[in-house]
C-alpha atoms as a PDB file:
ATOM      1  CA  UNK A   1      15.622  -0.167   6.156  1.00  0.00           C
ATOM      2  CA  UNK A   2      15.979  -4.281   4.960  1.00  0.00           C
ATOM      3  CA  UNK A   3      12.390  -4.352   6.938  1.00  0.00           C
ATOM      4  CA  UNK A   4      10.693  -0.877   4.850  1.00  0.00           C
ATOM      5  CA  UNK A   5      11.931  -2.912   1.616  1.00  0.00           C
ATOM      6  CA  UNK A   6      10.794  -5.954   2.562  1.00  0.00           C
ATOM      7  CA  UNK A   7       7.082  -4.449   3.342  1.00  0.00           C
ATOM      8  CA  UNK A   8       7.670  -3.468  -0.061  1.00  0.00           C
ATOM      9  CA  UNK A   9       7.865  -6.255  -1.913  1.00  0.00           C
ATOM     10  CA  UNK A  10       4.621  -7.195   0.292  1.00  0.00           C
ATOM     11  CA  UNK A  11       2.503  -4.812  -1.431  1.00  0.00           C
ATOM     12  CA  UNK A  12       4.019  -4.591  -4.563  1.00  0.00           C
ATOM     13  CA  UNK A  13       3.331  -8.489  -5.031  1.00  0.00           C
ATOM     14  CA  UNK A  14      -0.514  -8.629  -4.180  1.00  0.00           C
ATOM     15  CA  UNK A  15      -0.631  -6.702  -7.817  1.00  0.00           C
ATOM     16  CA  UNK A  16      -0.740  -9.484 -10.646  1.00  0.00           C
ATOM     17  CA  UNK A  17       2.166  -9.651 -12.461  1.00  0.00           C
ATOM     18  CA  UNK A  18       2.447  -8.524 -16.093  1.00  0.00           C
ATOM     19  CA  UNK A  19       5.032 -10.106 -19.189  1.00  0.00           C
ATOM     20  CA  UNK A  20       8.982  -9.306 -18.021  1.00  0.00           C
ATOM     21  CA  UNK A  21      11.477  -7.675 -19.946  1.00  0.00           C
ATOM     22  CA  UNK A  22      13.483 -10.447 -20.378  1.00  0.00           C
ATOM     23  CA  UNK A  23      15.335 -10.225 -16.209  1.00  0.00           C
ATOM     24  CA  UNK A  24      15.472 -13.500 -14.432  1.00  0.00           C
ATOM     25  CA  UNK A  25      12.842 -13.362 -11.514  1.00  0.00           C
ATOM     26  CA  UNK A  26      13.969 -14.541  -7.897  1.00  0.00           C
ATOM     27  CA  UNK A  27      14.005 -17.635  -6.167  1.00  0.00           C
ATOM     28  CA  UNK A  28      10.199 -18.668  -4.942  1.00  0.00           C
ATOM     29  CA  UNK A  29      10.567 -19.951  -1.379  1.00  0.00           C
ATOM     30  CA  UNK A  30       6.133 -20.817  -1.092  1.00  0.00           C
ATOM     31  CA  UNK A  31       3.417 -19.642  -2.846  1.00  0.00           C
ATOM     32  CA  UNK A  32       0.252 -20.390  -0.262  1.00  0.00           C
ATOM     33  CA  UNK A  33      -3.349 -19.511  -0.628  1.00  0.00           C
ATOM     34  CA  UNK A  34      -5.152 -16.400   1.788  1.00  0.00           C
ATOM     35  CA  UNK A  35      -8.406 -16.584   1.251  1.00  0.00           C
ATOM     36  CA  UNK A  36      -8.346 -17.280  -2.383  1.00  0.00           C
ATOM     37  CA  UNK A  37      -5.801 -15.030  -3.360  1.00  0.00           C
ATOM     38  CA  UNK A  38      -2.258 -16.443  -4.445  1.00  0.00           C
ATOM     39  CA  UNK A  39       0.606 -15.022  -1.984  1.00  0.00           C
ATOM     40  CA  UNK A  40       4.399 -15.459  -2.844  1.00  0.00           C
ATOM     41  CA  UNK A  41       7.177 -16.092  -0.390  1.00  0.00           C
ATOM     42  CA  UNK A  42      10.336 -14.638  -2.592  1.00  0.00           C
ATOM     43  CA  UNK A  43      14.169 -14.532  -1.621  1.00  0.00           C
ATOM     44  CA  UNK A  44      14.995 -11.558  -0.941  1.00  0.00           C
ATOM     45  CA  UNK A  45      18.399 -11.217  -3.082  1.00  0.00           C
ATOM     46  CA  UNK A  46      19.883  -8.193  -2.497  1.00  0.00           C
ATOM     47  CA  UNK A  47      22.464  -8.205  -5.375  1.00  0.00           C
ATOM     48  CA  UNK A  48      19.195  -8.564  -7.494  1.00  0.00           C
ATOM     49  CA  UNK A  49      16.662  -6.066  -6.235  1.00  0.00           C
ATOM     50  CA  UNK A  50      19.107  -3.462  -5.240  1.00  0.00           C
ATOM     51  CA  UNK A  51      21.300  -3.238  -8.378  1.00  0.00           C
ATOM     52  CA  UNK A  52      20.475  -0.010 -10.302  1.00  0.00           C
ATOM     53  CA  UNK A  53      17.876  -1.467 -13.081  1.00  0.00           C
ATOM     54  CA  UNK A  54      18.491  -1.184 -16.559  1.00  0.00           C
ATOM     55  CA  UNK A  55      14.938  -0.062 -17.028  1.00  0.00           C
ATOM     56  CA  UNK A  56      14.611   2.699 -14.340  1.00  0.00           C
ATOM     57  CA  UNK A  57      11.050   4.042 -13.456  1.00  0.00           C
ATOM     58  CA  UNK A  58      11.518   7.901 -12.943  1.00  0.00           C
ATOM     59  CA  UNK A  59      10.192  10.139  -9.691  1.00  0.00           C
ATOM     60  CA  UNK A  60       8.395  13.524  -9.379  1.00  0.00           C
ATOM     61  CA  UNK A  61       7.767  15.404  -7.140  1.00  0.00           C
ATOM     62  CA  UNK A  62       4.306  17.914  -7.026  1.00  0.00           C
ATOM     63  CA  UNK A  63       4.210  20.740  -4.857  1.00  0.00           C
ATOM     64  CA  UNK A  64       0.120  21.766  -3.572  1.00  0.00           C
ATOM     65  CA  UNK A  65      -1.384  24.163  -1.130  1.00  0.00           C
ATOM     66  CA  UNK A  66      -3.925  22.314   1.408  1.00  0.00           C
ATOM     67  CA  UNK A  67      -6.781  24.038   2.708  1.00  0.00           C
ATOM     68  CA  UNK A  68      -8.318  21.730   5.207  1.00  0.00           C
ATOM     69  CA  UNK A  69      -6.587  22.973   7.878  1.00  0.00           C
ATOM     70  CA  UNK A  70      -6.781  25.707  10.466  1.00  0.00           C
ATOM     71  CA  UNK A  71      -4.637  28.221   7.337  1.00  0.00           C
ATOM     72  CA  UNK A  72      -3.337  27.082   4.325  1.00  0.00           C
ATOM     73  CA  UNK A  73      -0.176  24.604   4.063  1.00  0.00           C
ATOM     74  CA  UNK A  74       2.387  24.333   1.945  1.00  0.00           C
ATOM     75  CA  UNK A  75       2.895  20.958   1.056  1.00  0.00           C
ATOM     76  CA  UNK A  76       4.231  18.286  -1.119  1.00  0.00           C
ATOM     77  CA  UNK A  77       4.308  14.539  -2.259  1.00  0.00           C
ATOM     78  CA  UNK A  78       6.142  12.400  -4.988  1.00  0.00           C
ATOM     79  CA  UNK A  79       5.036   9.855  -7.898  1.00  0.00           C
ATOM     80  CA  UNK A  80       6.760   7.067  -8.486  1.00  0.00           C
ATOM     81  CA  UNK A  81       6.121   6.358 -12.341  1.00  0.00           C
ATOM     82  CA  UNK A  82       6.947   2.946 -13.834  1.00  0.00           C
ATOM     83  CA  UNK A  83       9.289   2.572 -16.915  1.00  0.00           C
ATOM     84  CA  UNK A  84       6.947   3.486 -20.143  1.00  0.00           C
ATOM     85  CA  UNK A  85       5.176   6.014 -19.150  1.00  0.00           C
ATOM     86  CA  UNK A  86       4.332   7.798 -21.651  1.00  0.00           C
ATOM     87  CA  UNK A  87       2.035  11.062 -20.693  1.00  0.00           C
ATOM     88  CA  UNK A  88       0.644  10.540 -24.159  1.00  0.00           C
ATOM     89  CA  UNK A  89       0.154   7.656 -24.067  1.00  0.00           C
ATOM     90  CA  UNK A  90      -3.259   5.826 -23.511  1.00  0.00           C
ATOM     91  CA  UNK A  91      -2.422   2.932 -20.448  1.00  0.00           C
ATOM     92  CA  UNK A  92      -3.739   2.860 -17.213  1.00  0.00           C
ATOM     93  CA  UNK A  93      -2.412   1.769 -14.280  1.00  0.00           C
ATOM     94  CA  UNK A  94      -2.996   0.337 -10.799  1.00  0.00           C
ATOM     95  CA  UNK A  95      -2.352   3.256  -8.095  1.00  0.00           C
ATOM     96  CA  UNK A  96      -1.016   2.862  -4.420  1.00  0.00           C
ATOM     97  CA  UNK A  97      -0.598   5.349  -1.648  1.00  0.00           C
ATOM     98  CA  UNK A  98       2.104   4.867   0.804  1.00  0.00           C
ATOM     99  CA  UNK A  99       2.193   6.360   4.258  1.00  0.00           C
ATOM    100  CA  UNK A 100       5.688   6.380   6.153  1.00  0.00           C
ATOM    101  CA  UNK A 101       5.949   6.078  10.065  1.00  0.00           C
ATOM    102  CA  UNK A 102       6.409   8.089  12.511  1.00  0.00           C
ATOM    103  CA  UNK A 103       9.091  11.309  11.975  1.00  0.00           C
ATOM    104  CA  UNK A 104       9.554  10.304   8.400  1.00  0.00           C
ATOM    105  CA  UNK A 105       8.657  12.191   5.267  1.00  0.00           C
ATOM    106  CA  UNK A 106       7.403  11.285   1.654  1.00  0.00           C
ATOM    107  CA  UNK A 107      11.049  10.898   0.804  1.00  0.00           C
ATOM    108  CA  UNK A 108      11.938   8.447   2.963  1.00  0.00           C
ATOM    109  CA  UNK A 109      10.575   5.294   1.119  1.00  0.00           C
ATOM    110  CA  UNK A 110      11.291   6.372  -2.206  1.00  0.00           C
ATOM    111  CA  UNK A 111      13.677   8.674  -1.599  1.00  0.00           C
ATOM    112  CA  UNK A 112      16.069   5.612  -0.635  1.00  0.00           C
ATOM    113  CA  UNK A 113      17.711   4.359  -4.228  1.00  0.00           C
ATOM    114  CA  UNK A 114      17.896   0.901  -2.779  1.00  0.00           C
ATOM    115  CA  UNK A 115      13.780   0.905  -2.465  1.00  0.00           C
ATOM    116  CA  UNK A 116      13.363   2.692  -5.637  1.00  0.00           C
ATOM    117  CA  UNK A 117      15.801  -0.070  -7.477  1.00  0.00           C
ATOM    118  CA  UNK A 118      13.198  -2.612  -5.958  1.00  0.00           C
ATOM    119  CA  UNK A 119      10.265  -1.217  -7.840  1.00  0.00           C
ATOM    120  CA  UNK A 120      12.761  -0.967 -11.073  1.00  0.00           C
ATOM    121  CA  UNK A 121      13.137  -5.154 -10.778  1.00  0.00           C
ATOM    122  CA  UNK A 122       9.938  -6.027 -10.081  1.00  0.00           C
ATOM    123  CA  UNK A 123       8.490  -4.433 -12.902  1.00  0.00           C
ATOM    124  CA  UNK A 124      11.299  -5.417 -14.924  1.00  0.00           C
ATOM    125  CA  UNK A 125      11.064  -9.066 -14.022  1.00  0.00           C
ATOM    126  CA  UNK A 126       7.380  -9.860 -14.276  1.00  0.00           C
ATOM    127  CA  UNK A 127       7.259 -10.164 -10.809  1.00  0.00           C
ATOM    128  CA  UNK A 128       4.409  -7.417 -11.009  1.00  0.00           C
ATOM    129  CA  UNK A 129       2.409  -5.314 -13.003  1.00  0.00           C
ATOM    130  CA  UNK A 130       3.540  -1.465 -13.688  1.00  0.00           C
ATOM    131  CA  UNK A 131       2.436   0.902 -11.113  1.00  0.00           C
ATOM    132  CA  UNK A 132       2.340   3.725  -9.946  1.00  0.00           C
ATOM    133  CA  UNK A 133       3.231   4.806  -6.541  1.00  0.00           C
ATOM    134  CA  UNK A 134       2.444   7.723  -4.449  1.00  0.00           C
ATOM    135  CA  UNK A 135       4.227   8.892  -1.464  1.00  0.00           C
ATOM    136  CA  UNK A 136       1.953  11.397   0.625  1.00  0.00           C
ATOM    137  CA  UNK A 137       2.558  12.992   4.178  1.00  0.00           C
ATOM    138  CA  UNK A 138      -0.242  13.121   6.854  1.00  0.00           C
ATOM    139  CA  UNK A 139       1.337  15.736   9.231  1.00  0.00           C
ATOM    140  CA  UNK A 140       0.893  19.376   7.949  1.00  0.00           C
ATOM    141  CA  UNK A 141       2.509  22.066   9.350  1.00  0.00           C
ATOM    142  CA  UNK A 142       5.563  22.510  12.045  1.00  0.00           C
ATOM    143  CA  UNK A 143       6.611  19.503  12.881  1.00  0.00           C
ATOM    144  CA  UNK A 144       4.410  16.617  13.155  1.00  0.00           C
ATOM    145  CA  UNK A 145       0.992  17.874  13.107  1.00  0.00           C
ATOM    146  CA  UNK A 146      -1.749  15.022  12.453  1.00  0.00           C
ATOM    147  CA  UNK A 147      -5.530  15.065  12.383  1.00  0.00           C
ATOM    148  CA  UNK A 148      -6.775  11.885  11.301  1.00  0.00           C
ATOM    149  CA  UNK A 149     -10.369  13.671  10.224  1.00  0.00           C
ATOM    150  CA  UNK A 150      -9.626  16.588   8.223  1.00  0.00           C
ATOM    151  CA  UNK A 151      -6.714  14.487   7.052  1.00  0.00           C
ATOM    152  CA  UNK A 152      -9.410  12.306   5.554  1.00  0.00           C
ATOM    153  CA  UNK A 153     -10.731  15.425   3.023  1.00  0.00           C
ATOM    154  CA  UNK A 154      -7.043  16.391   2.137  1.00  0.00           C
ATOM    155  CA  UNK A 155      -6.924  13.296   0.305  1.00  0.00           C
ATOM    156  CA  UNK A 156     -10.166  12.775  -0.856  1.00  0.00           C
ATOM    157  CA  UNK A 157     -10.879  16.174  -2.026  1.00  0.00           C
ATOM    158  CA  UNK A 158      -6.663  17.478  -2.486  1.00  0.00           C
ATOM    159  CA  UNK A 159      -4.664  14.840  -3.191  1.00  0.00           C
ATOM    160  CA  UNK A 160      -6.694  12.148  -5.352  1.00  0.00           C
ATOM    161  CA  UNK A 161      -7.647  14.622  -7.393  1.00  0.00           C
ATOM    162  CA  UNK A 162      -4.088  16.102  -8.034  1.00  0.00           C
ATOM    163  CA  UNK A 163      -2.324  12.931  -8.649  1.00  0.00           C
ATOM    164  CA  UNK A 164      -5.048  11.093 -10.337  1.00  0.00           C
ATOM    165  CA  UNK A 165      -5.564  14.782 -12.844  1.00  0.00           C
ATOM    166  CA  UNK A 166      -1.982  14.304 -13.578  1.00  0.00           C
ATOM    167  CA  UNK A 167      -1.174  10.877 -14.404  1.00  0.00           C
ATOM    168  CA  UNK A 168      -3.487   7.899 -15.889  1.00  0.00           C
ATOM    169  CA  UNK A 169      -4.724   5.756 -13.081  1.00  0.00           C
ATOM    170  CA  UNK A 170      -8.435   4.117 -13.486  1.00  0.00           C
ATOM    171  CA  UNK A 171     -10.108   6.692 -13.159  1.00  0.00           C
ATOM    172  CA  UNK A 172     -11.663   8.157 -16.177  1.00  0.00           C
ATOM    173  CA  UNK A 173     -12.220  11.472 -14.436  1.00  0.00           C
ATOM    174  CA  UNK A 174     -10.494  12.529 -11.171  1.00  0.00           C
ATOM    175  CA  UNK A 175     -13.513  13.347  -9.340  1.00  0.00           C
ATOM    176  CA  UNK A 176     -15.729  10.719  -6.710  1.00  0.00           C
ATOM    177  CA  UNK A 177     -17.467   9.143  -9.922  1.00  0.00           C
ATOM    178  CA  UNK A 178     -13.866   7.783 -11.334  1.00  0.00           C
ATOM    179  CA  UNK A 179     -12.727   6.904  -7.813  1.00  0.00           C
ATOM    180  CA  UNK A 180     -15.393   5.184  -6.883  1.00  0.00           C
ATOM    181  CA  UNK A 181     -16.024   3.308 -10.494  1.00  0.00           C
ATOM    182  CA  UNK A 182     -12.041   2.738  -9.801  1.00  0.00           C
ATOM    183  CA  UNK A 183     -11.582   1.004  -6.564  1.00  0.00           C
ATOM    184  CA  UNK A 184     -10.438  -2.398  -7.831  1.00  0.00           C
ATOM    185  CA  UNK A 185      -7.106  -0.674  -9.090  1.00  0.00           C
ATOM    186  CA  UNK A 186      -6.450   1.461  -5.713  1.00  0.00           C
ATOM    187  CA  UNK A 187      -4.701  -0.053  -2.221  1.00  0.00           C
ATOM    188  CA  UNK A 188      -3.527   2.198   0.456  1.00  0.00           C
ATOM    189  CA  UNK A 189      -1.011   1.275   2.594  1.00  0.00           C
ATOM    190  CA  UNK A 190       1.726   2.280   5.232  1.00  0.00           C
ATOM    191  CA  UNK A 191       4.279   1.243   7.980  1.00  0.00           C
ATOM    192  CA  UNK A 192       4.802   1.939  11.353  1.00  0.00           C
ATOM    193  CA  UNK A 193       2.800   4.961  11.808  1.00  0.00           C
ATOM    194  CA  UNK A 194       1.495   4.816   8.574  1.00  0.00           C
ATOM    195  CA  UNK A 195      -0.170   1.635   9.119  1.00  0.00           C
ATOM    196  CA  UNK A 196      -2.633   3.139  12.059  1.00  0.00           C
ATOM    197  CA  UNK A 197      -2.997   5.871   9.367  1.00  0.00           C
ATOM    198  CA  UNK A 198      -4.192   3.608   6.990  1.00  0.00           C
ATOM    199  CA  UNK A 199      -6.662   1.888   9.287  1.00  0.00           C
ATOM    200  CA  UNK A 200      -7.630   5.469  10.027  1.00  0.00           C
ATOM    201  CA  UNK A 201      -8.750   5.784   6.500  1.00  0.00           C
ATOM    202  CA  UNK A 202     -10.063   2.101   6.237  1.00  0.00           C
ATOM    203  CA  UNK A 203     -14.039   3.498   7.419  1.00  0.00           C
ATOM    204  CA  UNK A 204     -13.936   6.730   4.921  1.00  0.00           C
ATOM    205  CA  UNK A 205     -12.347   4.880   1.592  1.00  0.00           C
ATOM    206  CA  UNK A 206     -13.557   1.851   1.187  1.00  0.00           C
ATOM    207  CA  UNK A 207     -15.905   2.880  -1.340  1.00  0.00           C
ATOM    208  CA  UNK A 208     -12.606   4.056  -3.420  1.00  0.00           C
ATOM    209  CA  UNK A 209     -10.566   1.685  -2.361  1.00  0.00           C
ATOM    210  CA  UNK A 210     -10.520  -2.169  -2.278  1.00  0.00           C
ATOM    211  CA  UNK A 211      -7.379  -2.301  -1.176  1.00  0.00           C
ATOM    212  CA  UNK A 212      -6.035  -2.015   2.379  1.00  0.00           C
ATOM    213  CA  UNK A 213      -1.801  -2.539   3.185  1.00  0.00           C
ATOM    214  CA  UNK A 214      -0.918  -1.782   6.651  1.00  0.00           C
ATOM    215  CA  UNK A 215       2.341  -3.110   8.372  1.00  0.00           C
ATOM    216  CA  UNK A 216       4.071  -2.904  11.569  1.00  0.00           C
ATOM    217  CA  UNK A 217       1.379  -1.158  13.482  1.00  0.00           C
ATOM    218  CA  UNK A 218      -1.556  -0.866  15.203  1.00  0.00           C
ATOM    219  CA  UNK A 219      -4.712  -1.863  13.806  1.00  0.00           C
ATOM    220  CA  UNK A 220      -8.575  -1.420  14.187  1.00  0.00           C
ATOM    221  CA  UNK A 221     -10.438  -3.469  16.939  1.00  0.00           C
ATOM    222  CA  UNK A 222     -12.899  -6.096  16.336  1.00  0.00           C
ATOM    223  CA  UNK A 223     -15.430  -3.508  17.558  1.00  0.00           C
ATOM    224  CA  UNK A 224     -14.683  -0.564  15.297  1.00  0.00           C
ATOM    225  CA  UNK A 225     -14.277  -3.115  12.573  1.00  0.00           C
ATOM    226  CA  UNK A 226     -17.907  -4.325  13.256  1.00  0.00           C
ATOM    227  CA  UNK A 227     -18.778  -1.436  13.147  1.00  0.00           C
ATOM    228  CA  UNK A 228     -17.285  -0.366   9.907  1.00  0.00           C
ATOM    229  CA  UNK A 229     -19.071  -3.515   8.103  1.00  0.00           C
ATOM    230  CA  UNK A 230     -22.039  -3.615   9.990  1.00  0.00           C
ATOM    231  CA  UNK A 231     -22.444  -0.585   7.445  1.00  0.00           C
ATOM    232  CA  UNK A 232     -20.669  -2.025   4.048  1.00  0.00           C
ATOM    233  CA  UNK A 233     -21.549  -4.511   2.610  1.00  0.00           C
ATOM    234  CA  UNK A 234     -18.562  -4.479  -0.434  1.00  0.00           C
ATOM    235  CA  UNK A 235     -15.900  -6.055  -1.385  1.00  0.00           C
ATOM    236  CA  UNK A 236     -12.069  -5.740  -0.073  1.00  0.00           C
ATOM    237  CA  UNK A 237      -8.960  -7.189   1.045  1.00  0.00           C
ATOM    238  CA  UNK A 238      -6.577  -5.921   3.858  1.00  0.00           C
ATOM    239  CA  UNK A 239      -3.295  -7.883   4.126  1.00  0.00           C
ATOM    240  CA  UNK A 240      -0.848  -6.848   6.545  1.00  0.00           C
ATOM    241  CA  UNK A 241       2.077  -8.080   8.501  1.00  0.00           C
ATOM    242  CA  UNK A 242       4.894  -7.916  10.767  1.00  0.00           C
ATOM    243  CA  UNK A 243       8.465  -8.521  10.806  1.00  0.00           C
ATOM    244  CA  UNK A 244       7.714 -11.177  13.427  1.00  0.00           C
ATOM    245  CA  UNK A 245       7.875 -11.415  17.188  1.00  0.00           C
ATOM    246  CA  UNK A 246      11.119  -8.751  17.414  1.00  0.00           C
ATOM    247  CA  UNK A 247       8.743  -6.565  16.196  1.00  0.00           C
ATOM    248  CA  UNK A 248       7.008  -3.724  18.399  1.00  0.00           C
ATOM    249  CA  UNK A 249       3.529  -4.557  16.195  1.00  0.00           C
ATOM    250  CA  UNK A 250       3.500  -8.614  16.930  1.00  0.00           C
ATOM    251  CA  UNK A 251       1.548  -8.592  20.266  1.00  0.00           C
ATOM    252  CA  UNK A 252      -1.071  -6.271  18.889  1.00  0.00           C
ATOM    253  CA  UNK A 253      -1.285  -7.780  15.862  1.00  0.00           C
ATOM    254  CA  UNK A 254      -5.228  -8.648  16.258  1.00  0.00           C
ATOM    255  CA  UNK A 255      -6.213 -11.439  17.262  1.00  0.00           C
ATOM    256  CA  UNK A 256      -8.672 -12.531  14.486  1.00  0.00           C
ATOM    257  CA  UNK A 257     -11.059 -14.623  14.133  1.00  0.00           C
ATOM    258  CA  UNK A 258     -13.294 -13.983  16.231  1.00  0.00           C
ATOM    259  CA  UNK A 259     -16.130 -16.477  17.097  1.00  0.00           C
ATOM    260  CA  UNK A 260     -18.544 -14.142  15.502  1.00  0.00           C
ATOM    261  CA  UNK A 261     -16.160 -13.582  12.330  1.00  0.00           C
ATOM    262  CA  UNK A 262     -16.346 -16.337   9.624  1.00  0.00           C
ATOM    263  CA  UNK A 263     -12.335 -18.487   8.940  1.00  0.00           C
ATOM    264  CA  UNK A 264     -11.489 -20.458   5.890  1.00  0.00           C
ATOM    265  CA  UNK A 265      -8.172 -20.727   5.792  1.00  0.00           C
ATOM    266  CA  UNK A 266      -4.772 -21.268   7.175  1.00  0.00           C
ATOM    267  CA  UNK A 267      -1.347 -20.446   5.481  1.00  0.00           C
ATOM    268  CA  UNK A 268       1.804 -21.124   6.517  1.00  0.00           C
ATOM    269  CA  UNK A 269       5.310 -19.365   5.419  1.00  0.00           C
ATOM    270  CA  UNK A 270       9.381 -20.788   4.691  1.00  0.00           C
ATOM    271  CA  UNK A 271      10.485 -17.492   7.298  1.00  0.00           C
ATOM    272  CA  UNK A 272      10.800 -17.051  10.864  1.00  0.00           C
ATOM    273  CA  UNK A 273       7.625 -16.134  11.825  1.00  0.00           C
ATOM    274  CA  UNK A 274       5.971 -12.951  10.569  1.00  0.00           C
ATOM    275  CA  UNK A 275       2.129 -12.350  10.899  1.00  0.00           C
ATOM    276  CA  UNK A 276       0.374 -13.026   7.537  1.00  0.00           C
ATOM    277  CA  UNK A 277      -3.163 -11.465   8.085  1.00  0.00           C
ATOM    278  CA  UNK A 278      -5.554 -12.126   4.501  1.00  0.00           C
ATOM    279  CA  UNK A 279      -8.854 -10.421   5.124  1.00  0.00           C
ATOM    280  CA  UNK A 280     -11.137 -10.917   1.524  1.00  0.00           C
ATOM    281  CA  UNK A 281     -15.060 -10.647   2.829  1.00  0.00           C
ATOM    282  CA  UNK A 282     -15.722 -13.345   5.075  1.00  0.00           C
ATOM    283  CA  UNK A 283     -12.455 -12.343   7.181  1.00  0.00           C
ATOM    284  CA  UNK A 284     -10.478 -14.576   7.343  1.00  0.00           C
ATOM    285  CA  UNK A 285      -7.312 -14.406   9.869  1.00  0.00           C
ATOM    286  CA  UNK A 286      -3.701 -16.408   9.492  1.00  0.00           C
ATOM    287  CA  UNK A 287      -1.224 -15.862  12.385  1.00  0.00           C
ATOM    288  CA  UNK A 288       2.213 -17.681  11.680  1.00  0.00           C
END
């Protein structure tokens, strides 16, 4: 549980901070620059993060039917809305899509009270700006059926229009044009198997998402990355992490930078041996 919450903190910290509501923020351990982006290392204070917040967000379950497979399947996803979200308001919010690990479901992350409390506190204390978090599943039918190619279609044609046509993200229209125009305010993330799903979506979602945040899972190989980048010349940001040598994903992390890719920076974390690879075209990597 602590690992999942820690990764949740990491990807939320990539969103820029807004004004605080008066809470005292946790202790800053260090601040480094990865690819020109400020990276914050905060002390994980369980008493601070996991206690109920005075300004709690809400979680909404959305049901839908997917028609992208051999037959229609009923599914659902969860949407976390920050405190103060007003259905009749005009404020727009960045959106994060987070994919669970193997054998889990849309409730695994946001259904945990401590995790939701952590999101609430990060927003209330001004560590991050208010955001919308979506937890779908890549499975369909009974069990753990997953089709990576068809799931791209489900994500683009069913999940995104459903969520962003209902809630105010930066997409002014819930269609391809609206998603492409708002790509700088959208992130795709996942943990373990969800990390692999994030990597599988990378090449197909670059036009509608600028941020990819895979945690503790296998990554794309260099040949695949080169194949994608040969056909894409826009900006993007990848932030990946594992929990150190005891994490099974540690050795699976890519050996970037390769000789054919430019490298520009390094960083040191004060905590014990995580991997953080940060890529912002040109690709940059740090192993610490």
